């Protein structure tokens, strides 16, 4: 009986460690996602500021045309 209790306690401790590690990783991923969403918003604002008639580099014809 004592051996079974020790196994269950060991398993519970391992599960606690796994849950803590997953929680830490999830928190890091949430921070990364928040940063990426902020960067997307900034890029969207920059795109909105471009007027439709503005030439974007790379879309102009070369001078020899």
N, C-alpha and C. Protein backbone atom coordinates (compact mmCIF):
# COMPACT_ATOMS: atom_id res chain seq x y z
N UNK A 1 0.82 -1.20 0.00
CA UNK A 1 0.00 0.00 0.00
C UNK A 1 0.87 1.27 0.00
N UNK A 2 1.93 1.24 0.83
CA UNK A 2 2.81 2.41 0.90
C UNK A 2 3.51 2.66 -0.43
N UNK A 3 3.86 1.57 -1.11
CA UNK A 3 4.52 1.72 -2.41
C UNK A 3 3.58 2.38 -3.42
N UNK A 4 2.34 1.98 -3.41
CA UNK A 4 1.34 2.56 -4.32
C UNK A 4 1.14 4.04 -4.03
N UNK A 5 1.11 4.42 -2.78
CA UNK A 5 0.95 5.83 -2.39
C UNK A 5 2.18 6.62 -2.86
N UNK A 6 3.37 6.04 -2.69
CA UNK A 6 4.60 6.71 -3.15
C UNK A 6 4.59 6.91 -4.66
N UNK A 7 4.11 5.92 -5.40
CA UNK A 7 4.01 6.05 -6.85
C UNK A 7 3.04 7.16 -7.24
N UNK A 8 1.91 7.21 -6.56
CA UNK A 8 0.92 8.26 -6.85
C UNK A 8 1.46 9.65 -6.51
N UNK A 9 2.17 9.75 -5.40
CA UNK A 9 2.76 11.04 -5.02
C UNK A 9 3.82 11.46 -6.03
N UNK A 10 4.60 10.49 -6.49
CA UNK A 10 5.63 10.78 -7.49
C UNK A 10 4.99 11.24 -8.80
N UNK A 11 3.94 10.55 -9.20
CA UNK A 11 3.23 10.92 -10.42
C UNK A 11 2.62 12.31 -10.30
N UNK A 12 2.05 12.62 -9.15
CA UNK A 12 1.46 13.94 -8.92
C UNK A 12 2.53 15.03 -9.00
N UNK A 13 3.69 14.78 -8.41
CA UNK A 13 4.78 15.76 -8.46
C UNK A 13 5.24 15.98 -9.90
N UNK A 14 5.33 14.90 -10.67
CA UNK A 14 5.73 15.03 -12.08
C UNK A 14 4.70 15.82 -12.87
N UNK A 15 3.44 15.57 -12.60
CA UNK A 15 2.37 16.30 -13.29
C UNK A 15 2.40 17.78 -12.91
N UNK A 16 2.68 18.08 -11.65
CA UNK A 16 2.78 19.47 -11.22
C UNK A 16 3.90 20.19 -11.96
N UNK A 17 5.04 19.52 -12.10
CA UNK A 17 6.18 20.10 -12.83
C UNK A 17 5.82 20.33 -14.30
N UNK A 18 5.13 19.37 -14.89
CA UNK A 18 4.74 19.49 -16.30
C UNK A 18 3.76 20.64 -16.49
N UNK A 19 2.81 20.75 -15.60
CA UNK A 19 1.83 21.85 -15.69
C UNK A 19 2.52 23.20 -15.53
N UNK A 20 3.46 23.30 -14.62
CA UNK A 20 4.20 24.56 -14.42
C UNK A 20 5.00 24.91 -15.67
N UNK A 21 5.64 23.92 -16.28
CA UNK A 21 6.42 24.17 -17.49
C UNK A 21 5.50 24.61 -18.64
N UNK A 22 4.36 23.95 -18.77
CA UNK A 22 3.42 24.33 -19.82
C UNK A 22 2.86 25.73 -19.58
N UNK A 23 2.60 26.06 -18.34
CA UNK A 23 2.10 27.39 -18.01
C UNK A 23 3.12 28.47 -18.37
N UNK A 24 4.38 28.20 -18.07
CA UNK A 24 5.45 29.15 -18.41
C UNK A 24 5.55 29.34 -19.92
N UNK A 25 5.49 28.26 -20.66
CA UNK A 25 5.58 28.33 -22.12
C UNK A 25 4.37 29.05 -22.71
N UNK A 26 3.20 28.78 -22.18
CA UNK A 26 1.99 29.45 -22.66
C UNK A 26 2.07 30.95 -22.41
N UNK A 27 2.56 31.35 -21.25
CA UNK A 27 2.71 32.76 -20.94
C UNK A 27 3.68 33.43 -21.92
N UNK A 28 4.80 32.76 -22.23
CA UNK A 28 5.76 33.31 -23.18
C UNK A 28 5.15 33.46 -24.56
N UNK A 29 4.37 32.47 -24.98
CA UNK A 29 3.73 32.53 -26.29
C UNK A 29 2.68 33.65 -26.34
N UNK A 30 1.99 33.88 -25.25
CA UNK A 30 1.01 34.97 -25.21
C UNK A 30 1.71 36.31 -25.34
N UNK A 31 2.88 36.45 -24.71
CA UNK A 31 3.64 37.68 -24.84
C UNK A 31 4.11 37.87 -26.28
N UNK A 32 4.60 36.80 -26.90
CA UNK A 32 5.04 36.88 -28.30
C UNK A 32 3.88 37.27 -29.20
N UNK A 33 2.73 36.67 -28.97
CA UNK A 33 1.54 36.97 -29.79
C UNK A 33 1.11 38.42 -29.62
N UNK A 34 1.14 38.92 -28.40
CA UNK A 34 0.77 40.32 -28.17
C UNK A 34 1.72 41.25 -28.91
N UNK A 35 3.01 40.93 -28.89
CA UNK A 35 3.99 41.75 -29.60
C UNK A 35 3.77 41.71 -31.10
N UNK A 36 3.46 40.54 -31.64
CA UNK A 36 3.20 40.42 -33.08
C UNK A 36 1.94 41.17 -33.48
N UNK A 37 0.90 41.10 -32.66
CA UNK A 37 -0.33 41.83 -32.96
C UNK A 37 -0.08 43.34 -32.97
N UNK A 38 0.75 43.80 -32.06
CA UNK A 38 1.09 45.22 -32.02
C UNK A 38 1.85 45.62 -33.29
N UNK A 39 2.77 44.78 -33.73
CA UNK A 39 3.52 45.07 -34.95
C UNK A 39 2.59 45.09 -36.17
N UNK A 40 1.62 44.19 -36.20
CA UNK A 40 0.67 44.17 -37.31
C UNK A 40 -0.15 45.45 -37.33
N UNK A 41 -0.59 45.91 -36.16
CA UNK A 41 -1.35 47.16 -36.10
C UNK A 41 -0.53 48.33 -36.62
N UNK A 42 0.74 48.38 -36.26
CA UNK A 42 1.61 49.46 -36.73
C UNK A 42 1.75 49.39 -38.25
N UNK A 43 1.94 48.20 -38.79
CA UNK A 43 2.06 48.05 -40.25
C UNK A 43 0.76 48.44 -40.95
N UNK A 44 -0.38 48.08 -40.37
CA UNK A 44 -1.66 48.46 -40.96
C UNK A 44 -1.82 49.98 -40.98
N UNK A 45 -1.41 50.63 -39.91
CA UNK A 45 -1.47 52.09 -39.87
C UNK A 45 -0.58 52.71 -40.94
N UNK A 46 0.61 52.17 -41.12
CA UNK A 46 1.52 52.68 -42.15
C UNK A 46 0.93 52.48 -43.54
N UNK A 47 0.30 51.34 -43.77
CA UNK A 47 -0.32 51.09 -45.08
C UNK A 47 -1.48 52.04 -45.34
N UNK A 48 -2.26 52.34 -44.30
CA UNK A 48 -3.38 53.27 -44.47
C UNK A 48 -2.90 54.68 -44.80
N UNK A 49 -1.71 55.03 -44.33
CA UNK A 49 -1.17 56.37 -44.58
C UNK A 49 -0.72 56.55 -46.02
N UNK A 50 -0.44 55.46 -46.71
CA UNK A 50 -0.02 55.56 -48.10
C UNK A 50 -1.22 55.95 -48.96
N UNK A 51 -1.06 56.98 -49.73
CA UNK A 51 -2.14 57.39 -50.64
C UNK A 51 -2.15 56.45 -51.84
N UNK A 52 -3.33 56.20 -52.42
CA UNK A 52 -3.40 55.28 -53.56
C UNK A 52 -2.51 55.68 -54.74
N UNK A 53 -2.26 56.97 -54.93
CA UNK A 53 -1.46 57.44 -56.05
C UNK A 53 0.03 57.39 -55.81
N UNK A 54 0.43 57.13 -54.59
CA UNK A 54 1.86 57.09 -54.29
C UNK A 54 2.50 55.87 -54.94
N UNK A 55 3.70 56.11 -55.50
CA UNK A 55 4.45 54.99 -56.07
C UNK A 55 5.22 54.31 -54.95
N UNK A 56 5.11 53.03 -54.91
CA UNK A 56 5.85 52.26 -53.94
C UNK A 56 7.11 51.75 -54.64
N UNK A 57 8.23 51.86 -53.97
CA UNK A 57 9.50 51.44 -54.57
C UNK A 57 9.38 50.02 -55.10
N UNK A 58 9.85 49.82 -56.31
CA UNK A 58 9.78 48.50 -56.91
C UNK A 58 8.66 48.39 -57.92
N UNK A 59 7.71 49.30 -57.90
CA UNK A 59 6.60 49.26 -58.84
C UNK A 59 6.78 50.25 -59.99
N UNK A 60 7.86 51.01 -59.96
CA UNK A 60 8.11 51.99 -61.02
C UNK A 60 8.78 51.29 -62.20
N UNK A 61 8.52 51.81 -63.41
CA UNK A 61 9.19 51.27 -64.60
C UNK A 61 10.62 51.80 -64.63
N UNK A 62 11.53 50.98 -65.08
CA UNK A 62 12.91 51.46 -65.21
C UNK A 62 12.98 52.59 -66.24
N UNK A 63 14.01 53.44 -66.18
CA UNK A 63 14.12 54.59 -67.07
C UNK A 63 14.23 54.23 -68.55
N UNK A 64 14.67 53.05 -68.89
CA UNK A 64 14.84 52.69 -70.31
C UNK A 64 13.53 52.29 -70.99
N UNK A 65 12.43 52.27 -70.29
CA UNK A 65 11.14 51.88 -70.91
C UNK A 65 10.60 53.00 -71.70
